[in-house]
C-alpha atoms as a PDB file:
ATOM      1  CA  UNK A   1      80.389  92.250 127.146  1.00  0.00           C
ATOM      2  CA  UNK A   2      83.378  90.440 125.570  1.00  0.00           C
ATOM      3  CA  UNK A   3      86.923  90.447 126.960  1.00  0.00           C
ATOM      4  CA  UNK A   4      89.046  92.049 124.315  1.00  0.00           C
ATOM      5  CA  UNK A   5      92.458  89.974 124.787  1.00  0.00           C
ATOM      6  CA  UNK A   6      93.920  91.903 121.718  1.00  0.00           C
ATOM      7  CA  UNK A   7      93.818  95.049 123.766  1.00  0.00           C
ATOM      8  CA  UNK A   8      96.546  93.917 125.946  1.00  0.00           C
ATOM      9  CA  UNK A   9      98.642  91.760 123.526  1.00  0.00           C
ATOM     10  CA  UNK A  10      98.155  91.975 119.790  1.00  0.00           C
ATOM     11  CA  UNK A  11     100.448  89.036 119.225  1.00  0.00           C
ATOM     12  CA  UNK A  12      97.913  86.494 120.734  1.00  0.00           C
ATOM     13  CA  UNK A  13      96.939  84.228 117.672  1.00  0.00           C
ATOM     14  CA  UNK A  14      94.527  81.976 119.443  1.00  0.00           C
ATOM     15  CA  UNK A  15      92.485  81.445 122.801  1.00  0.00           C
ATOM     16  CA  UNK A  16      89.699  79.253 124.296  1.00  0.00           C
ATOM     17  CA  UNK A  17      86.555  80.783 124.778  1.00  0.00           C
ATOM     18  CA  UNK A  18      82.777  80.058 125.810  1.00  0.00           C
ATOM     19  CA  UNK A  19      80.032  80.573 123.386  1.00  0.00           C
ATOM     20  CA  UNK A  20      77.603  83.333 124.875  1.00  0.00           C
ATOM     21  CA  UNK A  21      75.145  83.585 122.025  1.00  0.00           C
ATOM     22  CA  UNK A  22      74.303  82.736 118.503  1.00  0.00           C
ATOM     23  CA  UNK A  23      72.794  85.069 116.047  1.00  0.00           C
ATOM     24  CA  UNK A  24      71.761  84.922 112.371  1.00  0.00           C
ATOM     25  CA  UNK A  25      75.309  84.307 110.712  1.00  0.00           C
ATOM     26  CA  UNK A  26      77.299  85.342 113.690  1.00  0.00           C
ATOM     27  CA  UNK A  27      78.069  84.430 117.335  1.00  0.00           C
ATOM     28  CA  UNK A  28      79.644  86.116 120.493  1.00  0.00           C
ATOM     29  CA  UNK A  29      81.891  84.716 122.997  1.00  0.00           C
ATOM     30  CA  UNK A  30      83.058  85.677 126.518  1.00  0.00           C
ATOM     31  CA  UNK A  31      86.587  86.539 125.397  1.00  0.00           C
ATOM     32  CA  UNK A  32      88.356  86.750 121.894  1.00  0.00           C
ATOM     33  CA  UNK A  33      91.494  87.528 120.157  1.00  0.00           C
ATOM     34  CA  UNK A  34      89.459  88.665 117.119  1.00  0.00           C
ATOM     35  CA  UNK A  35      89.813  92.320 116.465  1.00  0.00           C
ATOM     36  CA  UNK A  36      86.510  93.928 115.337  1.00  0.00           C
ATOM     37  CA  UNK A  37      86.516  96.470 112.511  1.00  0.00           C
ATOM     38  CA  UNK A  38      87.197 100.053 113.931  1.00  0.00           C
ATOM     39  CA  UNK A  39      89.363 102.956 113.853  1.00  0.00           C
ATOM     40  CA  UNK A  40      90.078 102.430 110.422  1.00  0.00           C
ATOM     41  CA  UNK A  41      91.459  98.910 111.017  1.00  0.00           C
ATOM     42  CA  UNK A  42      89.540  95.905 109.209  1.00  0.00           C
ATOM     43  CA  UNK A  43      88.256  93.107 111.366  1.00  0.00           C
ATOM     44  CA  UNK A  44      90.050  89.903 111.798  1.00  0.00           C
ATOM     45  CA  UNK A  45      89.337  86.742 109.837  1.00  0.00           C
ATOM     46  CA  UNK A  46      90.119  83.300 110.866  1.00  0.00           C
ATOM     47  CA  UNK A  47      88.562  80.149 112.201  1.00  0.00           C
ATOM     48  CA  UNK A  48      86.790  78.637 115.384  1.00  0.00           C
ATOM     49  CA  UNK A  49      87.336  74.905 116.221  1.00  0.00           C
ATOM     50  CA  UNK A  50      84.296  73.411 118.122  1.00  0.00           C
ATOM     51  CA  UNK A  51      84.253  70.675 120.796  1.00  0.00           C
ATOM     52  CA  UNK A  52      83.416  67.974 118.078  1.00  0.00           C
ATOM     53  CA  UNK A  53      86.329  69.038 115.835  1.00  0.00           C
ATOM     54  CA  UNK A  54      84.239  71.022 113.241  1.00  0.00           C
ATOM     55  CA  UNK A  55      86.093  74.087 111.958  1.00  0.00           C
ATOM     56  CA  UNK A  56      84.062  77.184 111.064  1.00  0.00           C
ATOM     57  CA  UNK A  57      85.516  80.000 109.109  1.00  0.00           C
ATOM     58  CA  UNK A  58      85.185  83.450 110.486  1.00  0.00           C
ATOM     59  CA  UNK A  59      84.687  85.904 107.773  1.00  0.00           C
ATOM     60  CA  UNK A  60      84.779  89.242 109.567  1.00  0.00           C
ATOM     61  CA  UNK A  61      84.664  90.581 113.165  1.00  0.00           C
ATOM     62  CA  UNK A  62      82.338  93.467 114.140  1.00  0.00           C
ATOM     63  CA  UNK A  63      80.990  95.130 117.351  1.00  0.00           C
ATOM     64  CA  UNK A  64      77.617  94.212 117.957  1.00  0.00           C
ATOM     65  CA  UNK A  65      74.991  95.929 120.018  1.00  0.00           C
ATOM     66  CA  UNK A  66      76.190  96.812 123.788  1.00  0.00           C
ATOM     67  CA  UNK A  67      74.563  93.551 124.937  1.00  0.00           C
ATOM     68  CA  UNK A  68      75.819  91.586 122.126  1.00  0.00           C
ATOM     69  CA  UNK A  69      79.501  91.995 122.498  1.00  0.00           C
ATOM     70  CA  UNK A  70      81.890  91.278 119.670  1.00  0.00           C
ATOM     71  CA  UNK A  71      80.347  89.401 116.871  1.00  0.00           C
ATOM     72  CA  UNK A  72      82.200  86.787 114.877  1.00  0.00           C
ATOM     73  CA  UNK A  73      80.668  86.732 111.562  1.00  0.00           C
ATOM     74  CA  UNK A  74      80.233  83.459 109.487  1.00  0.00           C
ATOM     75  CA  UNK A  75      78.761  82.382 106.345  1.00  0.00           C
ATOM     76  CA  UNK A  76      74.835  82.535 105.897  1.00  0.00           C
ATOM     77  CA  UNK A  77      74.340  78.896 105.764  1.00  0.00           C
ATOM     78  CA  UNK A  78      77.183  77.839 108.138  1.00  0.00           C
ATOM     79  CA  UNK A  79      76.217  75.996 111.349  1.00  0.00           C
ATOM     80  CA  UNK A  80      77.085  77.891 114.457  1.00  0.00           C
ATOM     81  CA  UNK A  81      78.410  76.863 117.897  1.00  0.00           C
ATOM     82  CA  UNK A  82      75.982  76.674 120.622  1.00  0.00           C
ATOM     83  CA  UNK A  83      75.719  78.753 123.723  1.00  0.00           C
ATOM     84  CA  UNK A  84      77.739  77.356 126.420  1.00  0.00           C
ATOM     85  CA  UNK A  85      80.085  75.553 124.157  1.00  0.00           C
ATOM     86  CA  UNK A  86      83.621  75.676 124.514  1.00  0.00           C
ATOM     87  CA  UNK A  87      85.615  76.578 121.482  1.00  0.00           C
ATOM     88  CA  UNK A  88      89.275  77.598 120.214  1.00  0.00           C
ATOM     89  CA  UNK A  89      89.498  80.904 118.287  1.00  0.00           C
ATOM     90  CA  UNK A  90      92.280  81.097 115.822  1.00  0.00           C
ATOM     91  CA  UNK A  91      93.013  84.388 113.913  1.00  0.00           C
ATOM     92  CA  UNK A  92      94.586  84.450 110.310  1.00  0.00           C
ATOM     93  CA  UNK A  93      97.689  85.598 111.835  1.00  0.00           C
ATOM     94  CA  UNK A  94      99.572  86.418 108.529  1.00  0.00           C
ATOM     95  CA  UNK A  95      96.938  88.864 107.631  1.00  0.00           C
ATOM     96  CA  UNK A  96      96.603  90.277 111.329  1.00  0.00           C
ATOM     97  CA  UNK A  97     100.343  90.914 111.298  1.00  0.00           C
ATOM     98  CA  UNK A  98     100.267  92.809 107.917  1.00  0.00           C
ATOM     99  CA  UNK A  99      97.404  95.030 109.414  1.00  0.00           C
ATOM    100  CA  UNK A 100      99.443  95.617 112.560  1.00  0.00           C
ATOM    101  CA  UNK A 101     102.386  96.609 110.476  1.00  0.00           C
ATOM    102  CA  UNK A 102     100.340  99.103 108.363  1.00  0.00           C
ATOM    103  CA  UNK A 103      98.318 100.451 111.148  1.00  0.00           C
ATOM    104  CA  UNK A 104     101.843 101.201 113.052  1.00  0.00           C
ATOM    105  CA  UNK A 105     103.016 102.774 109.816  1.00  0.00           C
ATOM    106  CA  UNK A 106     100.148 104.967 109.686  1.00  0.00           C
ATOM    107  CA  UNK A 107     101.183 106.334 113.279  1.00  0.00           C
ATOM    108  CA  UNK A 108     104.866 106.856 111.794  1.00  0.00           C
ATOM    109  CA  UNK A 109     103.011 108.677 109.010  1.00  0.00           C
ATOM    110  CA  UNK A 110     101.467 111.136 111.659  1.00  0.00           C
ATOM    111  CA  UNK A 111     104.933 111.758 112.936  1.00  0.00           C
ATOM    112  CA  UNK A 112     106.284 112.636 109.522  1.00  0.00           C
ATOM    113  CA  UNK A 113     103.411 115.090 108.658  1.00  0.00           C
ATOM    114  CA  UNK A 114     102.707 117.774 111.044  1.00  0.00           C
ATOM    115  CA  UNK A 115      99.194 118.425 110.245  1.00  0.00           C
ATOM    116  CA  UNK A 116      95.644 117.242 111.539  1.00  0.00           C
ATOM    117  CA  UNK A 117      94.237 114.163 110.134  1.00  0.00           C
ATOM    118  CA  UNK A 118      90.782 114.286 108.513  1.00  0.00           C
ATOM    119  CA  UNK A 119      90.395 110.791 107.817  1.00  0.00           C
ATOM    120  CA  UNK A 120      91.911 107.255 106.783  1.00  0.00           C
ATOM    121  CA  UNK A 121      91.661 103.695 106.368  1.00  0.00           C
ATOM    122  CA  UNK A 122      94.021 100.650 106.652  1.00  0.00           C
ATOM    123  CA  UNK A 123      93.795  97.687 104.218  1.00  0.00           C
ATOM    124  CA  UNK A 124      95.893  94.476 103.804  1.00  0.00           C
ATOM    125  CA  UNK A 125      99.112  95.779 102.350  1.00  0.00           C
ATOM    126  CA  UNK A 126      98.104  99.642 102.254  1.00  0.00           C
ATOM    127  CA  UNK A 127      96.985 102.501 104.169  1.00  0.00           C
ATOM    128  CA  UNK A 128      96.093 106.036 103.702  1.00  0.00           C
ATOM    129  CA  UNK A 129      95.612 109.225 105.635  1.00  0.00           C
ATOM    130  CA  UNK A 130      93.907 112.448 104.771  1.00  0.00           C
ATOM    131  CA  UNK A 131      95.730 115.688 105.966  1.00  0.00           C
ATOM    132  CA  UNK A 132      94.384 119.127 106.345  1.00  0.00           C
ATOM    133  CA  UNK A 133      97.480 120.334 104.523  1.00  0.00           C
ATOM    134  CA  UNK A 134      97.675 123.016 101.922  1.00  0.00           C
ATOM    135  CA  UNK A 135     101.131 122.110 100.710  1.00  0.00           C
ATOM    136  CA  UNK A 136     102.438 118.524 101.127  1.00  0.00           C
ATOM    137  CA  UNK A 137     106.027 117.738 100.766  1.00  0.00           C
ATOM    138  CA  UNK A 138     107.412 116.119  97.793  1.00  0.00           C
ATOM    139  CA  UNK A 139     106.761 112.423  97.722  1.00  0.00           C
ATOM    140  CA  UNK A 140     110.286 111.413  97.669  1.00  0.00           C
ATOM    141  CA  UNK A 141     111.200 113.625 100.784  1.00  0.00           C
ATOM    142  CA  UNK A 142     108.306 112.261 102.510  1.00  0.00           C
ATOM    143  CA  UNK A 143     109.006 108.567 101.749  1.00  0.00           C
ATOM    144  CA  UNK A 144     112.527 109.023 102.923  1.00  0.00           C
ATOM    145  CA  UNK A 145     111.590 110.743 106.136  1.00  0.00           C
ATOM    146  CA  UNK A 146     108.807 108.110 106.828  1.00  0.00           C
ATOM    147  CA  UNK A 147     111.466 105.354 106.258  1.00  0.00           C
ATOM    148  CA  UNK A 148     113.894 107.097 108.587  1.00  0.00           C
ATOM    149  CA  UNK A 149     111.294 107.115 111.504  1.00  0.00           C
ATOM    150  CA  UNK A 150     110.282 103.571 110.915  1.00  0.00           C
ATOM    151  CA  UNK A 151     113.882 102.431 111.003  1.00  0.00           C
ATOM    152  CA  UNK A 152     114.460 104.403 114.329  1.00  0.00           C
ATOM    153  CA  UNK A 153     113.639 101.294 116.406  1.00  0.00           C
ATOM    154  CA  UNK A 154     110.726 102.999 118.187  1.00  0.00           C
ATOM    155  CA  UNK A 155     109.303 100.653 120.890  1.00  0.00           C
ATOM    156  CA  UNK A 156     105.532 100.515 121.286  1.00  0.00           C
ATOM    157  CA  UNK A 157     104.019 100.737 124.671  1.00  0.00           C
ATOM    158  CA  UNK A 158     100.447 101.273 125.874  1.00  0.00           C
ATOM    159  CA  UNK A 159      99.459 103.954 128.427  1.00  0.00           C
ATOM    160  CA  UNK A 160      95.963 103.979 130.062  1.00  0.00           C
ATOM    161  CA  UNK A 161      94.173 107.444 130.992  1.00  0.00           C
ATOM    162  CA  UNK A 162      90.819 108.216 132.299  1.00  0.00           C
ATOM    163  CA  UNK A 163      87.983 109.488 130.118  1.00  0.00           C
ATOM    164  CA  UNK A 164      88.380 112.747 132.235  1.00  0.00           C
ATOM    165  CA  UNK A 165      91.980 112.888 131.477  1.00  0.00           C
ATOM    166  CA  UNK A 166      91.308 112.317 127.774  1.00  0.00           C
ATOM    167  CA  UNK A 167      88.790 115.167 127.606  1.00  0.00           C
ATOM    168  CA  UNK A 168      91.326 117.341 128.819  1.00  0.00           C
ATOM    169  CA  UNK A 169      93.972 116.491 126.274  1.00  0.00           C
ATOM    170  CA  UNK A 170      92.250 116.771 122.688  1.00  0.00           C
ATOM    171  CA  UNK A 171      95.772 116.742 121.026  1.00  0.00           C
ATOM    172  CA  UNK A 172      95.933 112.917 121.685  1.00  0.00           C
ATOM    173  CA  UNK A 173      93.335 112.410 119.143  1.00  0.00           C
ATOM    174  CA  UNK A 174      95.126 112.838 115.863  1.00  0.00           C
ATOM    175  CA  UNK A 175      92.301 111.717 113.512  1.00  0.00           C
ATOM    176  CA  UNK A 176      89.201 114.038 113.650  1.00  0.00           C
ATOM    177  CA  UNK A 177      87.008 111.602 111.899  1.00  0.00           C
ATOM    178  CA  UNK A 178      87.506 108.756 114.372  1.00  0.00           C
ATOM    179  CA  UNK A 179      86.979 108.799 118.108  1.00  0.00           C
ATOM    180  CA  UNK A 180      89.038 106.665 120.404  1.00  0.00           C
ATOM    181  CA  UNK A 181      87.126 103.916 122.462  1.00  0.00           C
ATOM    182  CA  UNK A 182      85.829 105.578 125.624  1.00  0.00           C
ATOM    183  CA  UNK A 183      82.973 105.254 127.898  1.00  0.00           C
ATOM    184  CA  UNK A 184      84.360 102.316 129.851  1.00  0.00           C
ATOM    185  CA  UNK A 185      86.206 104.726 132.262  1.00  0.00           C
ATOM    186  CA  UNK A 186      89.448 104.686 130.580  1.00  0.00           C
ATOM    187  CA  UNK A 187      91.208 105.389 127.114  1.00  0.00           C
ATOM    188  CA  UNK A 188      94.260 103.622 125.708  1.00  0.00           C
ATOM    189  CA  UNK A 189      97.085 105.636 124.370  1.00  0.00           C
ATOM    190  CA  UNK A 190      99.683 103.972 121.990  1.00  0.00           C
ATOM    191  CA  UNK A 191     103.232 105.201 122.194  1.00  0.00           C
ATOM    192  CA  UNK A 192     106.051 104.807 119.930  1.00  0.00           C
ATOM    193  CA  UNK A 193     109.063 105.813 121.711  1.00  0.00           C
ATOM    194  CA  UNK A 194     109.575 109.426 121.100  1.00  0.00           C
ATOM    195  CA  UNK A 195     108.117 109.380 117.656  1.00  0.00           C
ATOM    196  CA  UNK A 196     104.299 109.320 118.261  1.00  0.00           C
ATOM    197  CA  UNK A 197     101.802 109.238 121.002  1.00  0.00           C
ATOM    198  CA  UNK A 198      98.111 109.132 120.379  1.00  0.00           C
ATOM    199  CA  UNK A 199      94.742 107.599 121.487  1.00  0.00           C
ATOM    200  CA  UNK A 200      94.245 104.290 119.576  1.00  0.00           C
ATOM    201  CA  UNK A 201      92.346 101.026 120.081  1.00  0.00           C
ATOM    202  CA  UNK A 202      93.952  99.254 117.267  1.00  0.00           C
ATOM    203  CA  UNK A 203      96.673  96.403 117.210  1.00  0.00           C
ATOM    204  CA  UNK A 204     100.369  97.357 116.754  1.00  0.00           C
ATOM    205  CA  UNK A 205     103.815  95.993 116.268  1.00  0.00           C
ATOM    206  CA  UNK A 206     106.031  96.074 119.232  1.00  0.00           C
ATOM    207  CA  UNK A 207     108.839  97.933 117.440  1.00  0.00           C
ATOM    208  CA  UNK A 208     108.548 100.389 114.471  1.00  0.00           C
ATOM    209  CA  UNK A 209     111.479  98.318 112.896  1.00  0.00           C
ATOM    210  CA  UNK A 210     108.842  95.444 112.226  1.00  0.00           C
ATOM    211  CA  UNK A 211     106.853  97.635 109.744  1.00  0.00           C
ATOM    212  CA  UNK A 212     109.617  97.162 107.265  1.00  0.00           C
ATOM    213  CA  UNK A 213     110.524  99.541 104.360  1.00  0.00           C
ATOM    214  CA  UNK A 214     107.549 101.332 102.874  1.00  0.00           C
ATOM    215  CA  UNK A 215     106.679 103.371  99.852  1.00  0.00           C
ATOM    216  CA  UNK A 216     104.616 106.513  99.348  1.00  0.00           C
ATOM    217  CA  UNK A 217     102.428 105.370  96.573  1.00  0.00           C
ATOM    218  CA  UNK A 218     100.675 108.662  95.974  1.00  0.00           C
ATOM    219  CA  UNK A 219      99.690 112.058  97.392  1.00  0.00           C
ATOM    220  CA  UNK A 220      96.500 113.298  96.029  1.00  0.00           C
ATOM    221  CA  UNK A 221      94.291 116.495  96.253  1.00  0.00           C
ATOM    222  CA  UNK A 222      90.975 115.697  97.670  1.00  0.00           C
ATOM    223  CA  UNK A 223      89.960 119.226  98.465  1.00  0.00           C
ATOM    224  CA  UNK A 224      91.062 122.700  99.141  1.00  0.00           C
ATOM    225  CA  UNK A 225      93.487 121.670 102.060  1.00  0.00           C
ATOM    226  CA  UNK A 226      92.800 117.764 101.955  1.00  0.00           C
ATOM    227  CA  UNK A 227      95.730 115.793 100.902  1.00  0.00           C
ATOM    228  CA  UNK A 228      95.423 111.968 100.743  1.00  0.00           C
ATOM    229  CA  UNK A 229      98.707 110.120 101.286  1.00  0.00           C
ATOM    230  CA  UNK A 230      98.648 106.389 100.450  1.00  0.00           C
ATOM    231  CA  UNK A 231     101.310 104.103 101.707  1.00  0.00           C
ATOM    232  CA  UNK A 232     102.248 100.475 100.701  1.00  0.00           C
ATOM    233  CA  UNK A 233     104.805  98.042 101.685  1.00  0.00           C
ATOM    234  CA  UNK A 234     107.991  98.339  99.434  1.00  0.00           C
END
């Protein structure tokens, strides 16, 4: 298992760690600031600095098998740090922060659209959610409402509940196609003031104001009652 430092503090940019294992084009460590792809959020990129000063570029981050922990993916011909070696992990902070802002924006979009979410994804600079919604609001009205919620200064906080409590509160899972991290005995809820509360394992900004102004790029019909809403930074 890898200690996931980003769960408690999404603003951590680097950490020291000990290499646990090396695999073809990937390695795992005892703890990390790198977020692995999941919940619609891409995995972090960045670099690892070895004891001898060598810098290795991390191209992606993914969850491995249960006994592998979190895998930091490098180029196929890249030398790997050795098990037992002490390294410094450094994420591409500018990219991560943009992903944090957009992921938090998707929570604000959930607050703006009162309908079940059937799918979604987050990219660097944009995000989209699919809603089970027969008649979406006009794009301009939705964009205005979304920016009003964002500028409301909703503080983010995390609440941990047990797996059993989570099972009794299905309304806390807004996205039907993505299940929150569970199985460890507890589940993390992300709360933005009085705007939004839902189960989520991703990284987020501390205040909705940090998201900045956004634009509703499009609202597309993807099925009988499936409306895809795409948002970008303004």
